[in-house]
């Protein structure tokens, strides 16, 4: 992964290149790739990892009670998947995530992600702001 890539992610704003490099050194151990059309996660799957889309585009969609597919949005790298749900009491993916082109994800365990936030106030504040923005969009 190009070490400048994460600087475009809202979770890593206002962090130095050195902080980005150190983060990647500690967390680059689990990179997963998906081909176009492959399912990344399914609606209802338990969230055990922070999925950080580092390359590609994914589509999020929901299956309605009637069984219809409802497209929610397209997400372009670099962005986390469902960060507001990772530590929620109902920590399940709210949508299906489908690769629209070849994609790469940095997959970080929940415990490692929590340790990163505990040790980096900027990362923690960016995470909380991102979750707050997502909740506000749902409420208003």
N, C-alpha and C. Protein backbone atom coordinates (compact mmCIF):
# COMPACT_ATOMS: atom_id res chain seq x y z
N UNK A 1 0.85 -1.18 0.00
CA UNK A 1 0.00 0.00 0.00
C UNK A 1 0.88 1.23 0.00
N UNK A 2 0.53 2.22 -0.77
CA UNK A 2 1.23 3.50 -0.80
C UNK A 2 1.00 4.20 0.54
N UNK A 3 2.08 4.57 1.23
CA UNK A 3 1.93 5.12 2.57
C UNK A 3 1.27 6.50 2.60
N UNK A 4 1.08 7.14 1.46
CA UNK A 4 0.37 8.42 1.46
C UNK A 4 -1.14 8.21 1.33
N UNK A 5 -1.55 7.00 1.02
CA UNK A 5 -2.96 6.72 0.75
C UNK A 5 -3.85 7.06 1.94
N UNK A 6 -3.46 6.65 3.14
CA UNK A 6 -4.36 6.84 4.27
C UNK A 6 -4.54 8.31 4.63
N UNK A 7 -3.69 9.18 4.15
CA UNK A 7 -3.84 10.61 4.45
C UNK A 7 -5.14 11.15 3.87
N UNK A 8 -5.72 10.47 2.88
CA UNK A 8 -6.98 10.91 2.29
C UNK A 8 -8.21 10.43 3.07
N UNK A 9 -7.99 9.55 4.04
CA UNK A 9 -9.09 9.01 4.83
C UNK A 9 -9.44 9.97 5.96
N UNK A 10 -10.75 10.21 6.18
CA UNK A 10 -11.14 11.13 7.25
C UNK A 10 -10.67 10.70 8.64
N UNK A 11 -10.40 9.44 8.84
CA UNK A 11 -9.93 8.98 10.15
C UNK A 11 -8.49 9.41 10.45
N UNK A 12 -7.75 9.78 9.40
CA UNK A 12 -6.33 10.10 9.58
C UNK A 12 -6.00 11.56 9.33
N UNK A 13 -7.01 12.41 9.34
CA UNK A 13 -6.79 13.85 9.13
C UNK A 13 -5.98 14.43 10.28
N UNK A 14 -5.23 15.47 9.93
CA UNK A 14 -4.42 16.20 10.91
C UNK A 14 -3.36 15.34 11.60
N UNK A 15 -2.99 14.26 10.94
CA UNK A 15 -1.91 13.42 11.45
C UNK A 15 -0.70 13.58 10.53
N UNK A 16 0.46 13.47 11.10
CA UNK A 16 1.69 13.66 10.32
C UNK A 16 1.98 12.42 9.47
N UNK A 17 2.87 12.60 8.50
CA UNK A 17 3.31 11.47 7.69
C UNK A 17 3.98 10.41 8.56
N UNK A 18 4.70 10.85 9.56
CA UNK A 18 5.34 9.91 10.48
C UNK A 18 4.30 9.07 11.22
N UNK A 19 3.21 9.71 11.66
CA UNK A 19 2.14 8.96 12.34
C UNK A 19 1.48 7.97 11.38
N UNK A 20 1.28 8.38 10.12
CA UNK A 20 0.73 7.46 9.11
C UNK A 20 1.66 6.26 8.92
N UNK A 21 2.95 6.54 8.76
CA UNK A 21 3.93 5.47 8.54
C UNK A 21 3.96 4.49 9.71
N UNK A 22 3.95 5.03 10.92
CA UNK A 22 3.99 4.17 12.11
C UNK A 22 2.71 3.32 12.21
N UNK A 23 1.57 3.94 11.90
CA UNK A 23 0.31 3.20 11.91
C UNK A 23 0.38 2.03 10.93
N UNK A 24 0.84 2.31 9.72
CA UNK A 24 0.92 1.26 8.69
C UNK A 24 1.90 0.16 9.09
N UNK A 25 3.03 0.53 9.67
CA UNK A 25 4.00 -0.48 10.12
C UNK A 25 3.36 -1.44 11.11
N UNK A 26 2.53 -0.92 12.00
CA UNK A 26 1.91 -1.76 13.02
C UNK A 26 0.73 -2.57 12.47
N UNK A 27 0.07 -2.09 11.42
CA UNK A 27 -1.21 -2.67 11.02
C UNK A 27 -1.29 -3.23 9.61
N UNK A 28 -0.22 -3.25 8.88
CA UNK A 28 -0.26 -3.69 7.48
C UNK A 28 -0.33 -5.22 7.37
N UNK A 29 -0.44 -5.93 8.48
CA UNK A 29 -0.36 -7.39 8.49
C UNK A 29 -1.55 -8.11 7.85
N UNK A 30 -2.69 -7.48 7.69
CA UNK A 30 -3.86 -8.17 7.14
C UNK A 30 -4.49 -7.34 6.02
N UNK A 31 -4.02 -7.56 4.80
CA UNK A 31 -4.57 -6.89 3.62
C UNK A 31 -5.38 -7.93 2.86
N UNK A 32 -6.65 -7.60 2.57
CA UNK A 32 -7.50 -8.53 1.82
C UNK A 32 -7.92 -7.88 0.51
N UNK A 33 -8.03 -8.70 -0.52
CA UNK A 33 -8.39 -8.21 -1.85
C UNK A 33 -9.66 -8.89 -2.33
N UNK A 34 -10.45 -8.15 -3.11
CA UNK A 34 -11.68 -8.67 -3.68
C UNK A 34 -11.74 -8.31 -5.16
N UNK A 35 -12.24 -9.23 -5.95
CA UNK A 35 -12.43 -8.99 -7.38
C UNK A 35 -13.76 -8.30 -7.60
N UNK A 36 -13.90 -7.67 -8.77
CA UNK A 36 -15.15 -7.03 -9.15
C UNK A 36 -16.30 -8.04 -9.01
N UNK A 37 -17.36 -7.60 -8.33
CA UNK A 37 -18.55 -8.43 -8.15
C UNK A 37 -18.55 -9.28 -6.90
N UNK A 38 -17.41 -9.42 -6.24
CA UNK A 38 -17.35 -10.23 -5.02
C UNK A 38 -17.97 -9.48 -3.84
N UNK A 39 -18.56 -10.26 -2.93
CA UNK A 39 -19.13 -9.70 -1.71
C UNK A 39 -18.03 -9.56 -0.67
N UNK A 40 -17.90 -8.36 -0.14
CA UNK A 40 -16.91 -8.08 0.90
C UNK A 40 -17.47 -8.51 2.25
N UNK A 41 -18.66 -8.03 2.59
CA UNK A 41 -19.37 -8.43 3.80
C UNK A 41 -20.86 -8.46 3.48
N UNK A 42 -21.60 -9.21 4.28
CA UNK A 42 -23.05 -9.31 4.11
C UNK A 42 -23.77 -8.58 5.23
N UNK A 43 -24.91 -8.03 4.89
CA UNK A 43 -25.78 -7.40 5.87
C UNK A 43 -26.04 -8.42 6.99
N UNK A 44 -25.80 -8.01 8.23
CA UNK A 44 -26.02 -8.89 9.37
C UNK A 44 -24.77 -9.59 9.88
N UNK A 45 -23.67 -9.58 9.08
CA UNK A 45 -22.42 -10.17 9.56
C UNK A 45 -21.93 -9.41 10.79
N UNK A 46 -21.39 -10.13 11.76
CA UNK A 46 -20.80 -9.50 12.94
C UNK A 46 -19.54 -8.75 12.51
N UNK A 47 -19.34 -7.57 13.08
CA UNK A 47 -18.16 -6.75 12.77
C UNK A 47 -17.05 -7.11 13.76
N UNK A 48 -16.05 -7.82 13.27
CA UNK A 48 -14.90 -8.19 14.10
C UNK A 48 -13.66 -7.40 13.76
N UNK A 49 -13.72 -6.64 12.67
CA UNK A 49 -12.57 -5.89 12.18
C UNK A 49 -13.00 -4.51 11.72
N UNK A 50 -12.03 -3.59 11.77
CA UNK A 50 -12.18 -2.32 11.08
C UNK A 50 -11.72 -2.59 9.65
N UNK A 51 -12.62 -2.41 8.70
CA UNK A 51 -12.28 -2.57 7.29
C UNK A 51 -12.00 -1.18 6.73
N UNK A 52 -10.80 -0.96 6.26
CA UNK A 52 -10.41 0.31 5.67
C UNK A 52 -10.18 0.09 4.18
N UNK A 53 -11.10 0.60 3.36
CA UNK A 53 -10.99 0.48 1.91
C UNK A 53 -9.85 1.37 1.45
N UNK A 54 -8.79 0.76 0.93
CA UNK A 54 -7.61 1.53 0.53
C UNK A 54 -7.46 1.64 -0.98
N UNK A 55 -8.21 0.82 -1.71
CA UNK A 55 -8.14 0.88 -3.18
C UNK A 55 -9.45 0.34 -3.75
N UNK A 56 -10.02 1.09 -4.69
CA UNK A 56 -11.21 0.61 -5.39
C UNK A 56 -12.49 1.34 -4.96
N UNK A 57 -13.60 0.78 -5.45
CA UNK A 57 -14.94 1.31 -5.19
C UNK A 57 -15.84 0.15 -4.81
N UNK A 58 -16.67 0.37 -3.79
CA UNK A 58 -17.65 -0.64 -3.40
C UNK A 58 -19.05 -0.03 -3.43
N UNK A 59 -20.04 -0.92 -3.59
CA UNK A 59 -21.45 -0.52 -3.53
C UNK A 59 -22.02 -1.09 -2.25
N UNK A 60 -22.80 -0.27 -1.54
CA UNK A 60 -23.51 -0.77 -0.37
C UNK A 60 -24.98 -0.92 -0.74
N UNK A 61 -25.57 -2.01 -0.26
CA UNK A 61 -26.97 -2.27 -0.58
C UNK A 61 -27.63 -3.01 0.58
N UNK A 62 -28.95 -2.85 0.66
CA UNK A 62 -29.75 -3.53 1.68
C UNK A 62 -30.77 -4.41 1.00
N UNK A 63 -31.13 -5.46 1.69
CA UNK A 63 -32.23 -6.30 1.24
C UNK A 63 -33.43 -5.88 2.09
N UNK A 64 -34.50 -5.44 1.43
CA UNK A 64 -35.70 -4.99 2.14
C UNK A 64 -36.47 -6.20 2.67
N UNK A 65 -37.46 -5.92 3.50
CA UNK A 65 -38.31 -6.99 4.04
C UNK A 65 -39.03 -7.73 2.93
N UNK A 66 -39.28 -7.04 1.82
CA UNK A 66 -39.95 -7.67 0.68
C UNK A 66 -38.99 -8.49 -0.18
N UNK A 67 -37.70 -8.44 0.15
CA UNK A 67 -36.71 -9.19 -0.60
C UNK A 67 -36.09 -8.43 -1.75
N UNK A 68 -36.42 -7.16 -1.89
CA UNK A 68 -35.85 -6.33 -2.95
C UNK A 68 -34.48 -5.80 -2.53
N UNK A 69 -33.64 -5.53 -3.53
CA UNK A 69 -32.32 -4.95 -3.27
C UNK A 69 -32.41 -3.44 -3.41
N UNK A 70 -31.96 -2.74 -2.38
CA UNK A 70 -31.98 -1.28 -2.37
C UNK A 70 -30.55 -0.78 -2.30
N UNK A 71 -30.08 -0.13 -3.38
CA UNK A 71 -28.73 0.41 -3.38
C UNK A 71 -28.68 1.63 -2.47
N UNK A 72 -27.70 1.66 -1.59
CA UNK A 72 -27.57 2.77 -0.64
C UNK A 72 -26.60 3.82 -1.18
N UNK A 73 -25.35 3.44 -1.41
CA UNK A 73 -24.37 4.39 -1.96
C UNK A 73 -23.14 3.68 -2.46
N UNK A 74 -22.34 4.44 -3.21
CA UNK A 74 -21.02 3.98 -3.64
C UNK A 74 -19.98 4.61 -2.73
N UNK A 75 -18.99 3.83 -2.33
CA UNK A 75 -17.91 4.33 -1.50
C UNK A 75 -16.60 4.16 -2.25
N UNK A 76 -15.82 5.25 -2.28
CA UNK A 76 -14.51 5.22 -2.94
C UNK A 76 -13.41 5.27 -1.90
N UNK A 77 -12.31 4.61 -2.21
CA UNK A 77 -11.15 4.61 -1.32
C UNK A 77 -10.64 6.04 -1.15
N UNK A 78 -10.24 6.40 -0.01
CA UNK A 78 -9.91 5.65 1.19
C UNK A 78 -10.98 5.97 2.23
N UNK A 79 -11.64 4.92 2.74
CA UNK A 79 -12.74 5.15 3.67
C UNK A 79 -12.98 3.88 4.50
N UNK A 80 -13.41 4.04 5.78
CA UNK A 80 -13.73 2.88 6.59
C UNK A 80 -15.15 2.38 6.29
N UNK A 81 -15.39 1.10 6.52
CA UNK A 81 -16.73 0.54 6.38
C UNK A 81 -17.41 0.52 7.75
N UNK A 82 -18.58 1.13 7.83
CA UNK A 82 -19.45 1.09 9.01
C UNK A 82 -18.73 1.35 10.34
N UNK A 83 -17.94 2.42 10.44
CA UNK A 83 -17.20 2.63 11.68
C UNK A 83 -18.10 2.87 12.89
N UNK A 84 -19.29 3.43 12.68
CA UNK A 84 -20.18 3.71 13.81
C UNK A 84 -20.74 2.44 14.44
N UNK A 85 -20.60 1.31 13.77
CA UNK A 85 -21.17 0.05 14.28
C UNK A 85 -20.16 -0.87 14.94
N UNK A 86 -18.87 -0.60 14.79
CA UNK A 86 -17.86 -1.55 15.25
C UNK A 86 -17.93 -1.84 16.75
N UNK A 87 -18.25 -0.83 17.57
CA UNK A 87 -18.33 -1.04 19.01
C UNK A 87 -19.75 -0.92 19.54
N UNK A 88 -20.74 -0.91 18.65
CA UNK A 88 -22.14 -0.81 19.06
C UNK A 88 -22.60 -2.12 19.69
N UNK A 89 -23.65 -2.04 20.50
CA UNK A 89 -24.18 -3.27 21.10
C UNK A 89 -24.71 -4.20 20.01
N UNK A 90 -25.22 -3.62 18.93
CA UNK A 90 -25.64 -4.41 17.77
C UNK A 90 -24.58 -4.21 16.69
N UNK A 91 -23.44 -4.88 16.87
CA UNK A 91 -22.29 -4.63 15.99
C UNK A 91 -22.32 -5.55 14.76
N UNK A 92 -23.33 -5.33 13.93
CA UNK A 92 -23.48 -6.08 12.69
C UNK A 92 -23.46 -5.10 11.52
N UNK A 93 -22.95 -5.57 10.39
CA UNK A 93 -22.95 -4.71 9.21
C UNK A 93 -24.40 -4.42 8.81
N UNK A 94 -24.73 -3.15 8.60
CA UNK A 94 -26.11 -2.78 8.26
C UNK A 94 -26.44 -3.01 6.78
N UNK A 95 -25.42 -3.29 5.97
CA UNK A 95 -25.60 -3.40 4.52
C UNK A 95 -24.70 -4.50 3.96
N UNK A 96 -25.03 -4.96 2.74
CA UNK A 96 -24.10 -5.76 1.96
C UNK A 96 -23.09 -4.81 1.34
N UNK A 97 -21.86 -5.25 1.18
CA UNK A 97 -20.83 -4.46 0.52
C UNK A 97 -20.29 -5.30 -0.63
N UNK A 98 -20.41 -4.77 -1.85
CA UNK A 98 -20.01 -5.47 -3.07
C UNK A 98 -18.91 -4.68 -3.77
N UNK A 99 -17.85 -5.37 -4.18
CA UNK A 99 -16.76 -4.72 -4.92
C UNK A 99 -17.24 -4.37 -6.33
N UNK A 100 -17.13 -3.12 -6.71
CA UNK A 100 -17.51 -2.66 -8.05
C UNK A 100 -16.33 -2.73 -9.02
N UNK A 101 -15.15 -2.89 -8.47
CA UNK A 101 -13.91 -3.06 -9.22
C UNK A 101 -12.95 -3.74 -8.26
N UNK A 102 -11.79 -4.19 -8.72
CA UNK A 102 -10.85 -4.80 -7.77
C UNK A 102 -10.59 -3.86 -6.59
N UNK A 103 -10.67 -4.40 -5.39
CA UNK A 103 -10.55 -3.60 -4.16
C UNK A 103 -9.54 -4.22 -3.21
N UNK A 104 -8.93 -3.35 -2.41
CA UNK A 104 -8.05 -3.78 -1.32
C UNK A 104 -8.54 -3.14 -0.03
N UNK A 105 -8.47 -3.94 1.02
CA UNK A 105 -8.84 -3.47 2.35
C UNK A 105 -7.72 -3.76 3.32
N UNK A 106 -7.47 -2.83 4.22
CA UNK A 106 -6.65 -3.07 5.38
C UNK A 106 -7.63 -3.51 6.46
N UNK A 107 -7.46 -4.71 6.97
CA UNK A 107 -8.38 -5.25 7.97
C UNK A 107 -7.66 -5.27 9.31
N UNK A 108 -8.22 -4.54 10.28
CA UNK A 108 -7.58 -4.37 11.59
C UNK A 108 -8.54 -4.91 12.65
N UNK A 109 -8.05 -5.77 13.53
CA UNK A 109 -8.91 -6.34 14.57
C UNK A 109 -9.46 -5.22 15.45
N UNK A 110 -10.61 -5.49 16.04
CA UNK A 110 -11.23 -4.49 16.92
C UNK A 110 -10.31 -4.11 18.07
N UNK A 111 -9.63 -5.08 18.64
CA UNK A 111 -8.76 -4.78 19.77
C UNK A 111 -7.56 -3.94 19.34
N UNK A 112 -6.97 -4.26 18.17
CA UNK A 112 -5.86 -3.45 17.67
C UNK A 112 -6.32 -2.03 17.34
N UNK A 113 -7.52 -1.92 16.74
CA UNK A 113 -8.06 -0.59 16.41
C UNK A 113 -8.27 0.23 17.67
N UNK A 114 -8.82 -0.40 18.70
CA UNK A 114 -9.04 0.29 19.97
C UNK A 114 -7.72 0.73 20.57
N UNK A 115 -6.72 -0.12 20.53
CA UNK A 115 -5.38 0.24 21.05
C UNK A 115 -4.81 1.42 20.28
N UNK A 116 -5.01 1.44 18.97
CA UNK A 116 -4.53 2.58 18.16
C UNK A 116 -5.21 3.87 18.61
N UNK A 117 -6.51 3.82 18.83
CA UNK A 117 -7.23 5.04 19.23
C UNK A 117 -6.84 5.49 20.63
N UNK A 118 -6.62 4.55 21.53
CA UNK A 118 -6.21 4.88 22.89
C UNK A 118 -4.85 5.57 22.89
N UNK A 119 -3.98 5.16 21.99
CA UNK A 119 -2.62 5.72 21.96
C UNK A 119 -2.49 6.95 21.06
N UNK A 120 -3.55 7.32 20.33
CA UNK A 120 -3.46 8.47 19.43
C UNK A 120 -4.75 9.29 19.51
N UNK A 121 -4.66 10.39 20.21
CA UNK A 121 -5.84 11.23 20.44
C UNK A 121 -6.44 11.75 19.13
N UNK A 122 -5.60 12.10 18.15
CA UNK A 122 -6.12 12.59 16.87
C UNK A 122 -6.96 11.53 16.18
N UNK A 123 -6.47 10.29 16.18
CA UNK A 123 -7.21 9.20 15.57
C UNK A 123 -8.54 8.98 16.30
N UNK A 124 -8.50 9.01 17.61
CA UNK A 124 -9.73 8.85 18.40
C UNK A 124 -10.74 9.95 18.09
N UNK A 125 -10.28 11.19 18.07
CA UNK A 125 -11.20 12.30 17.79
C UNK A 125 -11.75 12.23 16.37
N UNK A 126 -10.93 11.87 15.41
CA UNK A 126 -11.40 11.71 14.03
C UNK A 126 -12.44 10.60 13.93
N UNK A 127 -12.22 9.51 14.65
CA UNK A 127 -13.17 8.39 14.67
C UNK A 127 -14.50 8.84 15.26
N UNK A 128 -14.44 9.53 16.40
CA UNK A 128 -15.67 10.00 17.04
C UNK A 128 -16.42 11.00 16.16
N UNK A 129 -15.69 11.89 15.51
CA UNK A 129 -16.33 12.85 14.59
C UNK A 129 -16.99 12.13 13.43
N UNK A 130 -16.30 11.14 12.88
CA UNK A 130 -16.84 10.38 11.74
C UNK A 130 -18.13 9.67 12.15
N UNK A 131 -18.13 9.07 13.32
CA UNK A 131 -19.33 8.38 13.81
C UNK A 131 -20.46 9.37 14.05
N UNK A 132 -20.12 10.54 14.60
CA UNK A 132 -21.13 11.57 14.86
C UNK A 132 -21.76 12.06 13.56
N UNK A 133 -20.96 12.28 12.53
CA UNK A 133 -21.46 12.72 11.23
C UNK A 133 -22.42 11.68 10.66
N UNK A 134 -22.07 10.41 10.79
CA UNK A 134 -22.92 9.34 10.26
C UNK A 134 -24.25 9.28 10.99
N UNK A 135 -24.23 9.46 12.32
CA UNK A 135 -25.46 9.45 13.09
C UNK A 135 -26.31 10.64 12.75
N UNK A 136 -25.70 11.82 12.61
CA UNK A 136 -26.45 13.03 12.25
C UNK A 136 -27.15 12.87 10.91
N UNK A 137 -26.48 12.25 9.93
CA UNK A 137 -27.08 12.05 8.61
C UNK A 137 -28.31 11.15 8.72
N UNK A 138 -28.27 10.18 9.63
CA UNK A 138 -29.40 9.27 9.79
C UNK A 138 -30.57 9.97 10.49
N UNK A 139 -30.27 10.88 11.41
CA UNK A 139 -31.33 11.53 12.20
C UNK A 139 -32.00 12.68 11.49
N UNK A 140 -31.27 13.38 10.61
CA UNK A 140 -31.82 14.60 10.03
C UNK A 140 -32.00 14.50 8.56
